[in-house]
């Protein structure tokens, strides 16, 4: 199956050797997003703002691929401090409708650009 690269200016440009998302068939693999403002490429301040920016960025990529966050079948959340997990749940619920996708949450030592949170996703379109 051929792959199609997904890109939008409404999410931060890739800062390495990866694409914002890759589509193969009906499945779209969204690269991890951190709390970078897509215009300035600067990290937003604070855990709440970073979580919101991460989901705004993911939503922009999902829309560029022809879907929405409600088409995501799996999220993986990476946190430098798992005490923020409840905050991720709270904010994530404002971006999604039930039934919710599968999810994993992983505590990590550090993330690029000293981010506090990173989230990647797998989306399937009809």
Protein backbone atom coordinates (compact mmCIF):
# COMPACT_ATOMS: atom_id res chain seq x y z
CA UNK A 1 0.00 0.00 0.00
CA UNK A 2 1.41 3.44 -0.85
CA UNK A 3 1.92 5.94 1.92
CA UNK A 4 0.83 9.58 1.89
CA UNK A 5 2.56 12.23 3.98
CA UNK A 6 0.22 14.54 5.90
CA UNK A 7 1.28 18.13 6.66
CA UNK A 8 -0.42 21.24 7.96
CA UNK A 9 0.82 24.69 8.91
CA UNK A 10 -1.68 24.64 11.80
CA UNK A 11 0.64 22.33 13.77
CA UNK A 12 4.37 22.69 14.39
CA UNK A 13 6.55 21.64 11.48
CA UNK A 14 8.58 18.50 12.07
CA UNK A 15 11.79 19.28 13.96
CA UNK A 16 13.55 16.11 12.92
CA UNK A 17 13.51 13.23 10.49
CA UNK A 18 9.78 12.52 10.64
CA UNK A 19 6.47 13.67 9.19
CA UNK A 20 3.52 15.13 11.10
CA UNK A 21 1.53 12.07 10.01
CA UNK A 22 1.63 9.25 7.50
CA UNK A 23 -1.43 7.66 5.91
CA UNK A 24 -1.47 4.14 4.54
CA UNK A 25 -4.85 2.84 3.50
CA UNK A 26 -7.43 4.05 6.01
CA UNK A 27 -4.93 4.26 8.86
CA UNK A 28 -3.13 7.46 9.78
CA UNK A 29 -0.18 7.46 12.17
CA UNK A 30 0.14 10.84 13.90
CA UNK A 31 3.60 11.66 15.18
CA UNK A 32 4.04 12.74 18.77
CA UNK A 33 3.15 16.34 19.48
CA UNK A 34 4.54 18.45 22.27
CA UNK A 35 3.34 21.86 23.46
CA UNK A 36 4.95 23.90 20.69
CA UNK A 37 3.06 26.86 19.32
CA UNK A 38 2.88 26.23 15.54
CA UNK A 39 3.57 29.88 14.69
CA UNK A 40 6.50 30.65 16.98
CA UNK A 41 7.78 27.09 17.56
CA UNK A 42 8.15 28.08 21.22
CA UNK A 43 7.01 25.84 24.07
CA UNK A 44 3.90 27.11 25.85
CA UNK A 45 4.27 27.50 29.62
CA UNK A 46 2.77 25.18 32.22
CA UNK A 47 1.27 21.71 32.15
CA UNK A 48 -2.32 22.81 31.41
CA UNK A 49 -1.27 24.95 28.45
CA UNK A 50 1.03 22.22 27.14
CA UNK A 51 -1.69 19.56 27.28
CA UNK A 52 -4.14 21.84 25.44
CA UNK A 53 -1.54 22.78 22.83
CA UNK A 54 -0.68 19.09 22.29
CA UNK A 55 -4.32 18.26 21.58
CA UNK A 56 -4.78 21.37 19.43
CA UNK A 57 -1.74 20.30 17.39
CA UNK A 58 -2.98 16.71 17.08
CA UNK A 59 -6.42 17.96 16.08
CA UNK A 60 -4.90 20.13 13.33
CA UNK A 61 -3.00 17.15 11.92
CA UNK A 62 -6.08 14.90 12.18
CA UNK A 63 -8.12 17.49 10.26
CA UNK A 64 -5.40 17.79 7.61
CA UNK A 65 -5.70 14.02 7.16
CA UNK A 66 -9.48 14.30 6.69
CA UNK A 67 -10.58 13.25 10.16
CA UNK A 68 -10.87 14.44 13.73
CA UNK A 69 -9.67 13.36 17.14
CA UNK A 70 -12.87 11.31 17.43
CA UNK A 71 -11.46 9.07 14.66
CA UNK A 72 -8.43 8.20 16.80
CA UNK A 73 -8.38 4.57 17.92
CA UNK A 74 -5.32 4.86 20.18
CA UNK A 75 -3.39 7.58 21.99
CA UNK A 76 -0.07 7.14 23.72
CA UNK A 77 0.65 9.76 26.38
CA UNK A 78 4.19 10.40 27.61
CA UNK A 79 4.55 12.39 30.84
CA UNK A 80 7.66 13.52 32.68
CA UNK A 81 5.60 13.41 35.88
CA UNK A 82 2.71 10.97 36.19
CA UNK A 83 1.06 13.21 38.80
CA UNK A 84 -0.23 15.14 35.76
CA UNK A 85 -2.16 12.10 34.49
CA UNK A 86 -5.47 13.27 36.03
CA UNK A 87 -5.04 16.66 34.33
CA UNK A 88 -4.49 14.90 30.98
CA UNK A 89 -7.74 12.97 31.51
CA UNK A 90 -9.63 16.14 32.39
CA UNK A 91 -8.41 18.13 29.38
CA UNK A 92 -8.52 15.18 26.97
CA UNK A 93 -12.23 14.74 27.75
CA UNK A 94 -12.90 18.23 26.36
CA UNK A 95 -11.50 17.17 22.97
CA UNK A 96 -13.22 13.78 22.61
CA UNK A 97 -16.65 12.23 22.53
CA UNK A 98 -17.53 8.76 23.79
CA UNK A 99 -16.78 6.03 22.98
CA UNK A 100 -13.19 6.92 23.88
CA UNK A 101 -10.20 5.38 22.10
CA UNK A 102 -7.67 3.02 23.63
CA UNK A 103 -4.83 4.74 25.45
CA UNK A 104 -1.54 4.12 27.19
CA UNK A 105 0.25 6.49 29.56
CA UNK A 106 3.96 6.21 30.13
CA UNK A 107 6.22 8.04 32.58
CA UNK A 108 9.47 9.16 30.97
CA UNK A 109 12.64 10.84 32.25
CA UNK A 110 12.54 13.69 29.73
CA UNK A 111 11.01 14.80 26.42
CA UNK A 112 12.27 16.95 23.52
CA UNK A 113 12.58 20.67 24.25
CA UNK A 114 11.94 19.97 27.96
CA UNK A 115 8.27 19.33 27.25
CA UNK A 116 6.16 18.03 30.12
CA UNK A 117 3.87 15.96 27.89
CA UNK A 118 3.89 14.36 24.45
CA UNK A 119 1.05 12.46 22.76
CA UNK A 120 0.98 10.42 19.57
CA UNK A 121 -2.00 8.73 17.97
CA UNK A 122 -3.33 6.21 15.47
CA UNK A 123 -6.42 7.23 13.54
CA UNK A 124 -8.62 5.11 11.28
CA UNK A 125 -10.97 6.65 8.74
CA UNK A 126 -13.99 4.89 7.22
